[in-house]
Amino acid sequence: MRLRRFVSNVLAIAYKEAALLRHDRTLVQNVLLQPVIMLLVFGFAMSFKPKDVPWAVFDRSETAISRRLVSEIQASGYFAPPVRVTSYDTGHELLKTGRAVALLVIPKDLRRDVDRGRPQVQLLLDGTDPLTAARVGGYISQIAGNVRDGSVGAARMATGPSPATDPTAAAGVALRQQFRFNPTLRDLDFYLSALAGFLLTNLCLAAASLGLVAERENGTYEQLLAQPTRPLEVVLGKLVPNVVSSYAALALALLGAGFFYGYWPKGNVLLLAIVTLPFILATLSIGVFVSALARTSAQAVFIAVFFIMPSFVLSGSMLPYQLMPHGVREVGALFPLRWYQIISRRIIERGASLAEVAIPTVALLALFGAMLALIRWRMKPRLG
């Protein structure tokens, strides 16, 4: 009897809660949309196959064999059209600024080395992203190993055996690889350089997404709008305390990486702090916009998830965006974390200057301005 009453009471309460949830449109939309989004993100966006990877060529040979090597690499479909450089320093600058992942240096005496049976070229790779560097180096090494002083189809090097298992590949062009900025390809450096971005994204979205919702739930939202302040002033006033806490999190991330793992920024820490502000503001503004859309705290949390998880995956912080297909790369550019991970990795790993992070900084400012416009539109005083 007791068991029947217990089960009956539990089912009655469950029915009441289910009826409430059924009318919560935000929850229903999340239940239906989240699996679809995750399937698209993990099934389509997360790819380890290079596509349109930027690279550069310094061809000092200018012979038929060197042109064939470049054309075979291009014909593989993994790489964008190469940037031709006329000096070693120019090519290295492309690597440092992230405009090229690889620099192929073809020596002047390649034709003579081919005749001697020992052709060799140099490949400089950006090691700040170990996964991309290893993948790109492996593909180019396989292509070069199948290039001889004759015609070789791109299909064979894309699908054929690797040089290690093909005894005839010895006659191909040997590749001497060097990794810059992270010579040992330590994975830890790749993630620690983006650690602050992860922390700040979580912190800013979690704090800002509940700000206006809390005013609504406490019944003070109308009073807030009735004050002699404009919506933009209200938003900025709510952002200031979160900016301070975000800088505290940034300091802890940098100091923790330094003291526990011996990983200290190679660039100017003050510059990193300055260019972090547009990222904090852009991410906080997304949180405020979420809060302006939501009616309850639960809705705000659900909506924020749509920004947090895709931001981590599509931004290039967890997986290199160079390996993502087109379309997905462009969607990832809509998230502030895409631009901030570029900034932080260039400053922390490469010691970049302000000029080298100017473009992603401007992109963050543009995102912040766009979000402020949306927030201002959403927060027009409406009573009733």
Protein backbone atom coordinates (compact mmCIF):
# COMPACT_ATOMS: atom_id res chain seq x y z
CA MET A 1 0.00 0.00 0.00
CA ARG A 2 2.78 2.38 0.93
CA LEU A 3 4.69 1.50 -2.20
CA ARG A 4 1.62 2.14 -4.36
CA ARG A 5 1.06 5.53 -2.74
CA PHE A 6 4.75 6.39 -3.12
CA VAL A 7 4.76 5.52 -6.81
CA SER A 8 1.45 7.34 -7.34
CA ASN A 9 2.77 10.52 -5.72
CA VAL A 10 5.99 10.44 -7.73
CA LEU A 11 4.10 9.92 -10.99
CA ALA A 12 1.66 12.70 -10.18
CA ILE A 13 4.49 15.18 -9.57
CA ALA A 14 6.32 13.94 -12.67
CA TYR A 15 3.16 14.49 -14.75
CA LYS A 16 2.81 18.04 -13.43
CA GLU A 17 6.49 18.83 -14.18
CA ALA A 18 6.23 17.28 -17.64
CA ALA A 19 3.20 19.46 -18.38
CA LEU A 20 5.19 22.54 -17.37
CA LEU A 21 8.20 21.52 -19.44
CA ARG A 22 6.00 20.79 -22.44
CA HIS A 23 4.99 24.45 -22.50
CA ASP A 24 8.59 25.64 -22.11
CA ARG A 25 9.36 26.35 -25.75
CA THR A 26 13.03 27.06 -25.09
CA LEU A 27 13.56 23.65 -23.49
CA VAL A 28 11.72 21.85 -26.29
CA GLN A 29 13.77 23.67 -28.92
CA ASN A 30 17.01 22.79 -27.13
CA VAL A 31 16.06 19.14 -26.80
CA LEU A 32 15.34 18.99 -30.52
CA LEU A 33 18.13 21.23 -31.81
CA GLN A 34 21.10 20.25 -29.64
CA PRO A 35 21.45 16.70 -31.02
CA VAL A 36 21.22 18.06 -34.56
CA ILE A 37 23.87 20.70 -33.89
CA MET A 38 26.19 18.20 -32.19
CA LEU A 39 25.80 15.74 -35.07
CA LEU A 40 26.72 18.46 -37.55
CA VAL A 41 29.64 19.74 -35.47
CA PHE A 42 31.22 16.41 -34.62
CA GLY A 43 30.30 14.65 -37.85
CA PHE A 44 31.11 17.35 -40.37
CA ALA A 45 33.25 20.07 -38.80
CA MET A 46 35.73 17.93 -36.87
CA SER A 47 38.05 16.68 -39.57
CA PHE A 48 41.75 15.87 -39.54
CA LYS A 49 42.11 16.00 -43.32
CA PRO A 50 43.81 19.18 -44.56
CA LYS A 51 41.85 21.42 -46.90
CA ASP A 52 43.11 24.61 -48.59
CA VAL A 53 46.07 24.86 -46.20
CA PRO A 54 48.04 28.09 -46.82
CA TRP A 55 51.69 27.55 -47.75
CA ALA A 56 54.59 29.33 -49.43
CA VAL A 57 57.36 28.37 -51.84
CA PHE A 58 60.88 29.73 -52.09
CA ASP A 59 62.09 28.15 -55.32
CA ARG A 60 65.78 28.90 -55.87
CA SER A 61 66.06 26.22 -58.55
CA GLU A 62 63.37 27.23 -61.07
CA THR A 63 63.77 23.95 -62.93
CA ALA A 64 61.30 21.46 -64.37
CA ILE A 65 61.65 19.12 -61.37
CA SER A 66 61.00 21.92 -58.86
CA ARG A 67 57.94 23.11 -60.78
CA ARG A 68 56.69 19.54 -60.96
CA LEU A 69 57.07 19.16 -57.20
CA VAL A 70 55.07 22.32 -56.54
CA SER A 71 52.37 21.35 -59.04
CA GLU A 72 52.03 17.86 -57.54
CA ILE A 73 51.56 19.34 -54.07
CA GLN A 74 48.99 21.76 -55.45
CA ALA A 75 47.19 19.01 -57.38
CA SER A 76 46.66 16.96 -54.22
CA GLY A 77 43.71 19.18 -53.28
CA TYR A 78 44.94 19.62 -49.73
CA PHE A 79 46.61 22.98 -50.23
CA ALA A 80 45.67 26.47 -51.36
CA PRO A 81 47.62 28.06 -54.23
CA PRO A 82 51.15 28.73 -52.92
CA VAL A 83 52.51 32.14 -52.13
CA ARG A 84 55.73 32.67 -54.07
CA VAL A 85 58.44 34.39 -52.05
CA THR A 86 61.83 35.62 -53.16
CA SER A 87 63.70 35.39 -49.88
CA TYR A 88 63.98 33.15 -46.86
CA ASP A 89 63.13 35.99 -44.47
CA THR A 90 59.90 36.78 -46.32
CA GLY A 91 58.80 33.17 -46.08
CA HIS A 92 59.65 33.02 -42.40
CA GLU A 93 57.59 36.16 -41.83
CA LEU A 94 54.59 34.44 -43.41
CA LEU A 95 55.02 31.60 -40.93
CA LYS A 96 55.32 33.97 -38.00
CA THR A 97 52.18 35.91 -38.89
CA GLY A 98 50.15 32.76 -39.54
CA ARG A 99 49.63 33.47 -43.24
CA ALA A 100 51.37 30.21 -44.10
CA VAL A 101 51.52 26.87 -42.32
CA ALA A 102 54.44 25.56 -44.38
CA LEU A 103 57.34 27.04 -46.32
CA LEU A 104 58.92 24.86 -49.00
CA VAL A 105 62.53 25.86 -49.69
CA ILE A 106 63.90 24.39 -52.91
CA PRO A 107 67.72 24.65 -53.19
CA LYS A 108 69.50 26.11 -56.20
CA ASP A 109 71.32 22.84 -56.90
CA LEU A 110 68.23 20.60 -57.01
CA ARG A 111 68.84 19.68 -60.67
CA ARG A 112 72.39 18.58 -59.88
CA ASP A 113 71.19 16.61 -56.81
CA VAL A 114 68.63 14.81 -58.97
CA ASP A 115 71.38 13.71 -61.36
CA ARG A 116 73.39 12.43 -58.39
CA GLY A 117 70.35 10.56 -57.06
CA ARG A 118 70.13 12.53 -53.80
CA PRO A 119 67.51 15.28 -54.35
CA GLN A 120 66.48 17.02 -51.14
CA VAL A 121 64.34 20.05 -50.25
CA GLN A 122 63.65 21.83 -46.97
CA LEU A 123 60.21 22.23 -45.40
CA LEU A 124 59.66 24.72 -42.57
CA LEU A 125 56.46 24.15 -40.62
CA ASP A 126 54.59 26.23 -38.07
CA GLY A 127 54.84 23.99 -35.01
CA THR A 128 52.48 26.01 -32.81
CA ASP A 129 49.74 23.66 -33.98
CA PRO A 130 51.36 20.21 -33.65
CA LEU A 131 48.50 18.30 -35.26
CA THR A 132 48.38 20.46 -38.38
CA ALA A 133 52.18 20.56 -38.66
CA ALA A 134 52.49 16.77 -38.46
CA ARG A 135 49.67 16.21 -40.92
CA VAL A 136 50.89 18.76 -43.46
CA GLY A 137 54.47 17.52 -43.17
CA GLY A 138 53.35 13.95 -43.70
CA TYR A 139 51.33 14.77 -46.81
CA ILE A 140 54.09 16.84 -48.42
CA SER A 141 56.68 14.21 -47.56
CA GLN A 142 54.59 11.52 -49.25
CA ILE A 143 54.04 13.70 -52.33
CA ALA A 144 57.73 14.61 -52.61
CA GLY A 145 58.73 10.97 -52.20
CA ASN A 146 56.75 10.09 -55.33
CA VAL A 147 58.04 12.94 -57.49
CA ARG A 148 60.78 11.91 -59.88
CA ASP A 149 62.35 13.27 -63.00
CA GLY A 150 59.25 12.17 -64.90
CA SER A 151 55.52 12.50 -64.80
CA VAL A 152 53.76 11.29 -61.67
CA GLY A 153 49.99 11.61 -61.24
CA ALA A 154 48.56 13.28 -58.17
CA ALA A 155 46.21 10.34 -57.66
CA ARG A 156 49.06 7.97 -56.92
CA MET A 157 50.64 10.07 -54.22
CA ALA A 158 47.24 10.68 -52.64
CA THR A 159 46.27 7.00 -52.49
CA GLY A 160 49.47 5.05 -53.01
CA PRO A 161 51.79 3.53 -50.44
CA SER A 162 53.89 5.67 -48.21
CA PRO A 163 57.60 6.20 -48.90
CA ALA A 164 58.42 4.03 -45.92
CA THR A 165 56.77 0.97 -47.49
CA ASP A 166 57.44 1.67 -51.18
CA PRO A 167 61.02 0.76 -52.15
CA THR A 168 60.77 2.75 -55.39
CA ALA A 169 60.07 5.93 -53.45
CA ALA A 170 63.76 6.24 -52.65
CA ALA A 171 64.26 7.85 -56.02
CA GLY A 172 61.87 10.64 -55.10
CA VAL A 173 62.67 13.98 -53.51
CA ALA A 174 63.68 13.70 -49.87
CA LEU A 175 62.20 16.16 -47.40
CA ARG A 176 64.09 17.77 -44.51
CA GLN A 177 61.52 19.06 -42.04
CA GLN A 178 62.03 21.74 -39.41
CA PHE A 179 59.39 22.92 -36.96
CA ARG A 180 59.39 26.56 -35.88
CA PHE A 181 58.00 28.14 -32.68
CA ASN A 182 57.43 24.68 -31.13
CA PRO A 183 60.36 22.51 -32.29
CA THR A 184 59.37 19.46 -30.23
CA LEU A 185 55.69 19.63 -31.25
CA ARG A 186 54.64 19.55 -27.61
CA ASP A 187 50.83 19.30 -27.49
CA LEU A 188 50.76 20.98 -24.10
CA ASP A 189 51.91 24.27 -25.62
CA PHE A 190 49.04 24.23 -28.09
CA TYR A 191 46.42 23.96 -25.35
CA LEU A 192 48.07 26.13 -22.72
CA SER A 193 48.34 29.02 -25.18
CA ALA A 194 44.54 28.92 -25.59
CA LEU A 195 43.73 28.17 -21.94
CA ALA A 196 42.83 31.78 -21.16
CA GLY A 197 40.37 31.80 -24.05
CA PHE A 198 38.57 28.74 -22.68
CA LEU A 199 38.38 30.19 -19.19
CA LEU A 200 37.23 33.63 -20.27
CA THR A 201 34.57 32.24 -22.61
CA ASN A 202 33.07 30.14 -19.83
CA LEU A 203 33.34 32.90 -17.24
CA CYS A 204 31.99 35.72 -19.39
CA LEU A 205 29.05 33.81 -20.85
CA ALA A 206 28.07 32.30 -17.50
CA ALA A 207 28.19 35.63 -15.68
CA ALA A 208 26.63 37.88 -18.32
CA SER A 209 23.90 35.53 -19.52
CA LEU A 210 22.19 35.63 -16.11
CA GLY A 211 22.43 39.39 -15.51
CA LEU A 212 19.22 40.75 -17.05
CA VAL A 213 17.35 37.52 -16.37
CA ALA A 214 17.98 37.98 -12.67
CA GLU A 215 16.50 41.49 -12.91
CA ARG A 216 13.37 40.05 -14.51
CA GLU A 217 13.01 37.25 -11.98
CA ASN A 218 13.47 39.70 -9.10
CA GLY A 219 10.89 42.08 -10.59
CA THR A 220 13.37 44.96 -10.95
CA TYR A 221 13.78 44.92 -14.75
CA GLU A 222 11.16 47.62 -15.36
CA GLN A 223 12.70 49.75 -12.61
CA LEU A 224 16.07 49.36 -14.32
CA LEU A 225 14.66 50.57 -17.63
CA ALA A 226 12.82 53.44 -15.92
CA GLN A 227 16.06 54.90 -14.53
CA PRO A 228 17.52 57.99 -16.24
CA THR A 229 20.04 55.81 -18.08
CA ARG A 230 20.13 54.55 -21.61
CA PRO A 231 20.15 50.80 -22.35
CA LEU A 232 23.75 51.02 -23.55
CA GLU A 233 24.82 52.58 -20.23
CA VAL A 234 23.02 49.82 -18.34
CA VAL A 235 24.80 47.15 -20.37
CA LEU A 236 28.26 48.68 -19.97
CA GLY A 237 27.70 49.19 -16.25
CA LYS A 238 26.88 45.52 -15.87
CA LEU A 239 29.98 44.52 -17.86
CA VAL A 240 32.59 46.43 -15.82
CA PRO A 241 32.72 44.08 -12.76
CA ASN A 242 32.91 41.07 -15.07
CA VAL A 243 35.83 42.64 -16.94
CA VAL A 244 37.77 42.90 -13.68
CA SER A 245 37.09 39.26 -12.75
CA SER A 246 38.05 38.18 -16.29
CA TYR A 247 41.47 39.80 -15.96
CA ALA A 248 41.95 37.96 -12.68
CA ALA A 249 41.22 34.70 -14.48
CA LEU A 250 43.67 35.65 -17.25
CA ALA A 251 46.41 36.31 -14.69
CA LEU A 252 45.78 32.96 -12.98
CA ALA A 253 45.90 31.12 -16.33
CA LEU A 254 49.24 32.69 -17.31
CA LEU A 255 50.82 32.26 -13.88
CA GLY A 256 49.54 28.69 -13.51
CA ALA A 257 50.95 27.68 -16.90
CA GLY A 258 54.26 29.29 -15.98
CA PHE A 259 54.71 27.92 -12.46
CA PHE A 260 53.29 24.44 -13.00
CA TYR A 261 54.48 23.72 -16.55
CA GLY A 262 57.26 26.24 -17.11
CA TYR A 263 55.35 27.71 -20.05
CA TRP A 264 55.76 31.49 -20.05
CA PRO A 265 54.64 33.89 -22.80
CA LYS A 266 57.33 34.72 -25.34
CA GLY A 267 55.66 38.01 -26.23
CA ASN A 268 54.70 41.17 -24.36
CA VAL A 269 52.27 40.38 -21.54
CA LEU A 270 51.04 43.98 -21.45
CA LEU A 271 50.13 43.73 -25.14
CA LEU A 272 48.26 40.50 -24.43
CA ALA A 273 46.34 42.23 -21.64
CA ILE A 274 45.39 45.14 -23.90
CA VAL A 275 44.13 43.05 -26.80
CA THR A 276 42.28 40.76 -24.38
CA LEU A 277 39.84 43.57 -23.57
CA PRO A 278 38.01 43.46 -26.95
CA PHE A 279 37.61 39.69 -26.54
CA ILE A 280 36.20 40.04 -23.02
CA LEU A 281 33.77 42.74 -24.15
CA ALA A 282 32.67 40.78 -27.23
CA THR A 283 32.07 37.60 -25.19
CA LEU A 284 30.30 39.47 -22.39
CA SER A 285 28.07 41.20 -24.93
CA ILE A 286 27.01 37.79 -26.28
CA GLY A 287 26.12 36.80 -22.72
CA VAL A 288 24.09 39.99 -22.23
CA PHE A 289 22.28 39.38 -25.52
CA VAL A 290 21.43 35.85 -24.33
CA SER A 291 20.15 37.33 -21.09
CA ALA A 292 18.04 39.84 -23.02
CA LEU A 293 16.50 37.01 -25.06
CA ALA A 294 15.78 34.64 -22.17
CA ARG A 295 12.88 34.96 -19.75
CA THR A 296 14.20 32.65 -17.05
CA SER A 297 17.59 31.56 -15.75
CA ALA A 298 17.06 28.06 -17.12
CA GLN A 299 16.43 29.46 -20.58
CA ALA A 300 19.58 31.59 -20.35
CA VAL A 301 21.67 28.54 -19.45
CA PHE A 302 20.23 26.53 -22.32
CA ILE A 303 20.84 29.29 -24.87
CA ALA A 304 24.39 29.89 -23.60
CA VAL A 305 25.23 26.25 -24.33
CA PHE A 306 24.64 26.96 -28.02
CA PHE A 307 27.51 29.45 -27.90
CA ILE A 308 29.93 27.68 -25.57
CA MET A 309 30.26 24.25 -27.19
CA PRO A 310 30.38 25.35 -30.86
CA SER A 311 32.75 28.13 -29.85
CA PHE A 312 35.21 25.63 -28.38
CA VAL A 313 35.02 23.25 -31.34
CA LEU A 314 34.75 25.63 -34.31
CA SER A 315 37.09 28.37 -33.13
CA GLY A 316 40.27 26.37 -33.62
CA SER A 317 41.11 26.29 -29.92
CA MET A 318 40.65 22.54 -29.52
CA LEU A 319 41.16 21.48 -33.13
CA PRO A 320 42.99 23.42 -35.84
CA TYR A 321 40.55 25.30 -38.04
CA GLN A 322 42.91 24.79 -41.01
CA LEU A 323 41.68 21.20 -41.11
CA MET A 324 38.00 22.21 -41.21
CA PRO A 325 36.07 22.37 -44.49
CA HIS A 326 35.00 25.68 -45.96
CA GLY A 327 31.68 26.89 -44.63
CA VAL A 328 32.53 25.55 -41.19
CA ARG A 329 35.60 27.81 -41.04
CA GLU A 330 33.46 30.84 -41.84
CA VAL A 331 30.90 29.93 -39.17
CA GLY A 332 33.70 29.63 -36.64
CA ALA A 333 34.79 33.17 -37.47
CA LEU A 334 31.54 34.43 -35.92
CA PHE A 335 32.72 33.39 -32.46
CA PRO A 336 35.06 35.74 -30.56
CA LEU A 337 37.18 32.79 -29.43
CA ARG A 338 38.32 32.16 -33.03
CA TRP A 339 40.06 35.53 -33.15
CA TYR A 340 41.32 35.49 -29.58
CA GLN A 341 43.01 32.10 -29.91
CA ILE A 342 44.86 33.51 -32.93
CA ILE A 343 45.92 36.53 -30.87
CA SER A 344 46.97 34.59 -27.79
CA ARG A 345 48.92 31.96 -29.71
CA ARG A 346 50.74 34.54 -31.78
CA ILE A 347 51.76 36.55 -28.72
CA ILE A 348 52.42 33.66 -26.32
CA GLU A 349 54.11 31.24 -28.72
CA ARG A 350 55.64 33.53 -31.34
CA GLY A 351 56.21 36.81 -29.51
CA ALA A 352 54.07 38.74 -32.01
CA SER A 353 53.85 42.53 -32.09
CA LEU A 354 50.73 44.69 -32.20
CA ALA A 355 50.83 44.89 -36.00
CA GLU A 356 50.76 41.08 -36.22
CA VAL A 357 47.56 40.82 -34.14
CA ALA A 358 45.85 43.96 -35.48
CA ILE A 359 43.44 42.15 -37.83
CA PRO A 360 41.99 39.72 -35.26
CA THR A 361 41.75 42.59 -32.75
CA VAL A 362 39.72 44.66 -35.22
CA ALA A 363 37.50 41.62 -35.84
CA LEU A 364 36.79 41.38 -32.10
CA LEU A 365 35.92 45.07 -31.95
CA ALA A 366 33.54 44.61 -34.90
CA LEU A 367 31.84 41.67 -33.16
CA PHE A 368 31.49 43.75 -29.99
CA GLY A 369 29.92 46.63 -31.93
CA ALA A 370 27.49 44.29 -33.69
CA MET A 371 26.41 42.72 -30.40
CA LEU A 372 25.88 46.14 -28.80
CA ALA A 373 23.57 47.07 -31.68
CA LEU A 374 21.56 43.87 -31.17
CA ILE A 375 21.37 44.41 -27.41
CA ARG A 376 20.22 48.00 -27.87
CA TRP A 377 17.49 46.79 -30.24
CA ARG A 378 16.40 44.06 -27.83
CA MET A 379 16.40 46.29 -24.74
CA LYS A 380 14.13 49.04 -26.05
CA PRO A 381 11.89 49.84 -23.07
CA ARG A 382 8.70 47.83 -23.35
CA LEU A 383 6.15 47.63 -20.55
CA GLY A 384 3.38 45.10 -20.80
